[in-house]
Structures are given as C-alpha cells and as structure tokens.
Amino acid sequence: MPLRARLYLVTGAISDDRLTAALAGGVDIVQLRLKDADDDAILAQAARVQAVCRRYRVPFLLNDRPDLARAAGADGVHLGQEDMPVAEARALLGPDAIIGLSTHTPAQVDAAEALAIDYFAVGPIHATPTKPGRPAVGEALIRYAASRAVTPFFAIGGIDTSTVIAARAAGAHAVAVVRAITDASDPTAAAAALRAALEAGDEPA
C-alpha cells in the first residue's frame, strides 16, 4: 500500500500528552529519534510512543536501528545514508515494514528510486540544529525530487509555518518537522497550521 502520510513528526523523548496533541492536530506518521540513548531507554520510550500512535492508527518508526525497530514491534525504520543498507533492513523487517531513507543530493534521490523503500526524505532544506554541520540543500532538491521521483518523499530541515508554503510550492506534497511541533506551546495548533498549509496547495477534488 502506498504511503499517504503528509505530516511527519520526528521527535525525541516526548510526553504522551504532547504527542497526543500533535496527532490530534494532523500528524500522520511519527519517528522516534534518540541518538544518544542506550537500547533499553530507546525501547522503553518506543513502547510509550507506539501505544499513543496505535490509538490514532498512525505509523510509528524508529530512527537508524532496524534491530530495535524489530524488537519494539515498530511499523518500520528510517535509515540514514550510513546506516544499515536498505536491502538488509528489508530482509530483517519483512515486506510489510515501512522503510524510509534520508537523501541529501540529486544522486542520492536517483539512487533511492531503485531501492525497496516506502519513502525518502530530502534535506535539510534549511539549516537546522538537529543536523549540525550538514549544509542546507535548499528548495532546489525538492524541485529535483518532485520532477523525477515516483516514490513518495518528505521535505525536511527547518520546515515550519514560515517555510512550508515555499516547500509546497517547490513540489513537496509532504513534510517532516521536528521543532515546529516539539517546541510549540500548542502542538495541536502547530500541527493543524502545517497541515492546512500543505493541503492549501492541493488540487480540488
């Protein structure tokens, strides 16, 4: 089944209440990203996040670690360019798992199309503290992906209510965000505003 998500939340440790609020606002896929935590802490947080996601029937993914995704019973995993190869992750997690991949260059976008993935991410579109040292790729990479990709993709990196409209205009049908929701005083309103901006560019039914 094609992945139809539009608003992707990437989050570290988060309370059940704040995650629930984000999902109520329109987040429709969630990735748990805990770069510096040990395996037990990741699995403990994953159990909580997954329980909330299941109530909303929203896919739940882990970052980087197919082994922990399998142990947690997650719906899938998001891989970086230097993580386990996609083919190995697919063999480990099975044909029904959701597997995503980060891309940062046109060549990586092209290569992603040949892999057994369900989506890829393009970015960082803007400089972001969540990816220190990684240069922004700008909206040009969105336009490149939009002109070539068959696989669904998310624009990521500095996406918020001030940048999402330009990302949508460049061809991003879907976006992934971190701070725009996790740092918001009202996660429901923040998610709803992002969702509305995305859907404003849709063709009439």
Protein backbone atom coordinates (compact mmCIF):
# COMPACT_ATOMS: atom_id res chain seq x y z
CA MET A 1 0.00 0.00 0.00
CA PRO A 2 1.47 3.41 -0.92
CA LEU A 3 2.42 5.64 1.98
CA ARG A 4 -0.04 8.52 2.01
CA ALA A 5 1.17 10.46 5.05
CA ARG A 6 1.54 14.22 4.73
CA LEU A 7 2.81 15.49 8.10
CA TYR A 8 5.68 13.55 9.64
CA LEU A 9 6.81 14.24 13.21
CA VAL A 10 10.38 13.36 14.17
CA THR A 11 10.71 13.55 17.94
CA GLY A 12 12.96 12.72 20.81
CA ALA A 13 11.56 11.82 24.21
CA ILE A 14 8.05 13.26 24.38
CA SER A 15 5.19 13.09 26.86
CA ASP A 16 2.05 11.17 26.00
CA ASP A 17 0.01 14.38 26.28
CA ARG A 18 2.16 16.36 23.83
CA LEU A 19 2.28 13.51 21.34
CA THR A 20 -1.48 13.08 21.59
CA ALA A 21 -1.89 16.80 20.95
CA ALA A 22 0.31 16.62 17.85
CA LEU A 23 -1.62 13.67 16.46
CA ALA A 24 -4.90 15.46 17.12
CA GLY A 25 -3.60 18.35 15.00
CA GLY A 26 -2.94 16.18 11.96
CA VAL A 27 0.41 14.42 12.34
CA ASP A 28 0.01 11.13 10.50
CA ILE A 29 3.39 9.40 10.90
CA VAL A 30 5.85 9.52 13.81
CA GLN A 31 9.54 8.71 14.09
CA LEU A 32 11.30 8.36 17.45
CA ARG A 33 14.86 9.68 17.23
CA LEU A 34 17.04 9.16 20.31
CA LYS A 35 20.61 9.40 19.09
CA ASP A 36 22.39 9.26 22.45
CA ALA A 37 20.17 6.92 24.46
CA ASP A 38 21.01 3.34 25.26
CA ASP A 39 18.97 0.48 23.85
CA ASP A 40 16.86 -0.04 26.97
CA ALA A 41 15.91 3.65 27.09
CA ILE A 42 15.01 3.63 23.40
CA LEU A 43 12.81 0.57 23.79
CA ALA A 44 11.09 2.00 26.87
CA GLN A 45 10.30 5.26 25.11
CA ALA A 46 9.30 3.38 21.96
CA ALA A 47 6.69 1.40 23.88
CA ARG A 48 5.05 4.60 25.12
CA VAL A 49 5.14 6.41 21.78
CA GLN A 50 3.89 3.38 19.91
CA ALA A 51 0.94 2.97 22.27
CA VAL A 52 -0.19 6.53 21.57
CA CYS A 53 0.32 6.12 17.82
CA ARG A 54 -1.73 2.94 17.77
CA ARG A 55 -4.68 4.73 19.36
CA TYR A 56 -4.63 7.10 16.39
CA ARG A 57 -3.77 4.38 13.85
CA VAL A 58 -0.65 6.33 12.91
CA PRO A 59 2.52 4.50 11.78
CA PHE A 60 5.38 4.50 14.27
CA LEU A 61 9.01 4.27 13.14
CA LEU A 62 12.37 4.17 14.87
CA ASN A 63 15.41 6.07 13.64
CA ASP A 64 18.55 4.28 12.38
CA ARG A 65 18.14 0.91 14.08
CA PRO A 66 16.27 -1.86 12.27
CA ASP A 67 17.18 -4.28 15.06
CA LEU A 68 15.49 -2.13 17.69
CA ALA A 69 12.56 -1.44 15.38
CA ARG A 70 12.01 -5.18 15.17
CA ALA A 71 12.42 -5.64 18.93
CA ALA A 72 9.94 -2.82 19.60
CA GLY A 73 7.39 -4.11 17.12
CA ALA A 74 7.54 -0.77 15.31
CA ASP A 75 5.91 -0.29 11.94
CA GLY A 76 9.28 0.42 10.39
CA VAL A 77 12.56 2.30 10.43
CA HIS A 78 14.10 5.43 8.98
CA LEU A 79 17.66 5.00 7.71
CA GLY A 80 20.46 7.45 7.05
CA GLN A 81 22.91 7.07 4.21
CA GLU A 82 25.46 5.47 6.53
CA ASP A 83 23.11 3.13 8.38
CA MET A 84 22.32 -0.50 7.58
CA PRO A 85 21.77 -0.97 3.83
CA VAL A 86 18.14 -0.91 2.79
CA ALA A 87 18.23 -4.47 1.46
CA GLU A 88 19.45 -5.80 4.81
CA ALA A 89 16.87 -3.79 6.71
CA ARG A 90 14.13 -5.09 4.43
CA ALA A 91 15.29 -8.67 4.95
CA LEU A 92 15.26 -8.16 8.71
CA LEU A 93 11.92 -6.37 8.98
CA GLY A 94 9.97 -8.07 6.21
CA PRO A 95 7.95 -6.92 3.22
CA ASP A 96 5.27 -5.07 5.19
CA ALA A 97 7.56 -2.81 7.20
CA ILE A 98 7.79 0.88 6.33
CA ILE A 99 11.36 1.80 5.41
CA GLY A 100 12.45 5.36 4.73
CA LEU A 101 15.80 6.80 3.70
CA SER A 102 17.45 10.22 4.04
CA THR A 103 18.77 11.84 0.87
CA HIS A 104 20.85 15.00 0.54
CA THR A 105 21.88 15.16 -3.12
CA PRO A 106 20.35 14.59 -6.56
CA ALA A 107 22.44 11.42 -6.94
CA GLN A 108 21.03 10.04 -3.68
CA VAL A 109 17.50 10.86 -4.81
CA ASP A 110 18.09 8.97 -8.04
CA ALA A 111 19.58 6.01 -6.18
CA ALA A 112 16.66 5.90 -3.74
CA GLU A 113 14.25 5.19 -6.58
CA ALA A 114 15.92 1.82 -7.16
CA LEU A 115 15.67 0.69 -3.53
CA ALA A 116 12.96 -1.23 -1.68
CA ILE A 117 11.83 1.78 0.33
CA ASP A 118 8.41 3.26 1.03
CA TYR A 119 9.51 6.89 1.12
CA PHE A 120 12.59 9.06 1.24
CA ALA A 121 13.35 12.41 2.86
CA VAL A 122 15.11 15.30 1.10
CA GLY A 123 17.04 17.84 3.11
CA PRO A 124 17.93 19.59 5.17
CA ILE A 125 16.10 22.24 3.17
CA HIS A 126 17.19 24.91 5.65
CA ALA A 127 19.97 24.88 8.23
CA THR A 128 18.79 23.24 11.43
CA PRO A 129 20.37 22.49 14.82
CA THR A 130 19.00 18.95 14.62
CA LYS A 131 21.56 18.29 11.86
CA PRO A 132 24.64 20.24 12.96
CA GLY A 133 27.32 20.55 10.29
CA ARG A 134 25.04 19.40 7.48
CA PRO A 135 24.70 22.19 4.88
CA ALA A 136 21.25 23.22 3.74
CA VAL A 137 20.33 21.95 0.29
CA GLY A 138 17.60 24.49 -0.38
CA GLU A 139 14.38 24.07 -2.29
CA ALA A 140 16.27 23.04 -5.43
CA LEU A 141 16.45 19.47 -4.14
CA ILE A 142 12.68 19.46 -3.60
CA ARG A 143 12.19 20.54 -7.20
CA TYR A 144 14.60 17.85 -8.37
CA ALA A 145 12.82 15.12 -6.42
CA ALA A 146 9.38 16.34 -7.48
CA SER A 147 10.37 16.24 -11.15
CA ARG A 148 11.72 12.68 -11.04
CA ALA A 149 10.53 10.66 -8.08
CA VAL A 150 7.83 8.02 -8.18
CA THR A 151 8.44 7.10 -4.53
CA PRO A 152 6.76 9.44 -2.01
CA PHE A 153 9.11 11.91 -0.35
CA PHE A 154 9.12 14.34 2.57
CA ALA A 155 10.93 17.66 2.68
CA ILE A 156 12.76 18.06 5.99
CA GLY A 157 15.01 20.57 7.70
CA GLY A 158 13.84 23.89 9.10
CA ILE A 159 10.28 23.33 7.96
CA ASP A 160 7.78 25.43 9.91
CA THR A 161 4.83 27.68 9.19
CA SER A 162 7.14 30.31 7.68
CA THR A 163 8.81 27.90 5.24
CA VAL A 164 6.24 25.21 4.50
CA ILE A 165 4.44 27.21 1.81
CA ALA A 166 7.65 27.62 -0.20
CA ALA A 167 8.39 23.93 0.22
CA ARG A 168 4.91 23.09 -1.04
CA ALA A 169 5.33 25.43 -3.99
CA ALA A 170 8.62 23.72 -4.86
CA GLY A 171 6.82 20.39 -5.12
CA ALA A 172 6.78 18.91 -1.62
CA HIS A 173 3.48 17.10 -1.16
CA ALA A 174 4.53 16.16 2.39
CA VAL A 175 6.92 17.47 5.05
CA ALA A 176 8.71 16.21 8.12
CA VAL A 177 9.19 18.50 11.10
CA VAL A 178 10.86 18.46 14.47
CA ARG A 179 10.97 21.75 16.40
CA ALA A 180 7.94 23.27 14.66
CA ILE A 181 5.82 20.90 16.72
CA THR A 182 8.03 19.67 19.57
CA ASP A 183 8.88 23.24 20.67
CA ALA A 184 5.38 24.62 20.11
CA SER A 185 3.37 25.85 23.06
CA ASP A 186 0.31 24.28 21.43
CA PRO A 187 1.28 21.17 19.42
CA THR A 188 -2.27 20.70 18.13
CA ALA A 189 -2.44 24.21 16.67
CA ALA A 190 1.09 23.93 15.25
CA ALA A 191 0.33 20.66 13.51
CA ALA A 192 -3.01 21.93 12.23
CA ALA A 193 -1.39 25.05 10.76
CA LEU A 194 1.26 22.99 8.96
CA ARG A 195 -1.36 20.58 7.68
CA ALA A 196 -3.56 23.41 6.42
CA ALA A 197 -0.64 24.98 4.56
CA LEU A 198 0.15 21.66 2.88
CA GLU A 199 -3.44 20.99 1.88
CA ALA A 200 -3.99 24.53 0.61
CA GLY A 201 -1.90 23.62 -2.41
CA ASP A 202 -3.93 20.52 -3.30
CA GLU A 203 -5.89 20.35 -6.50
CA PRO A 204 -9.68 20.46 -5.97
CA ALA A 205 -11.25 17.02 -5.78
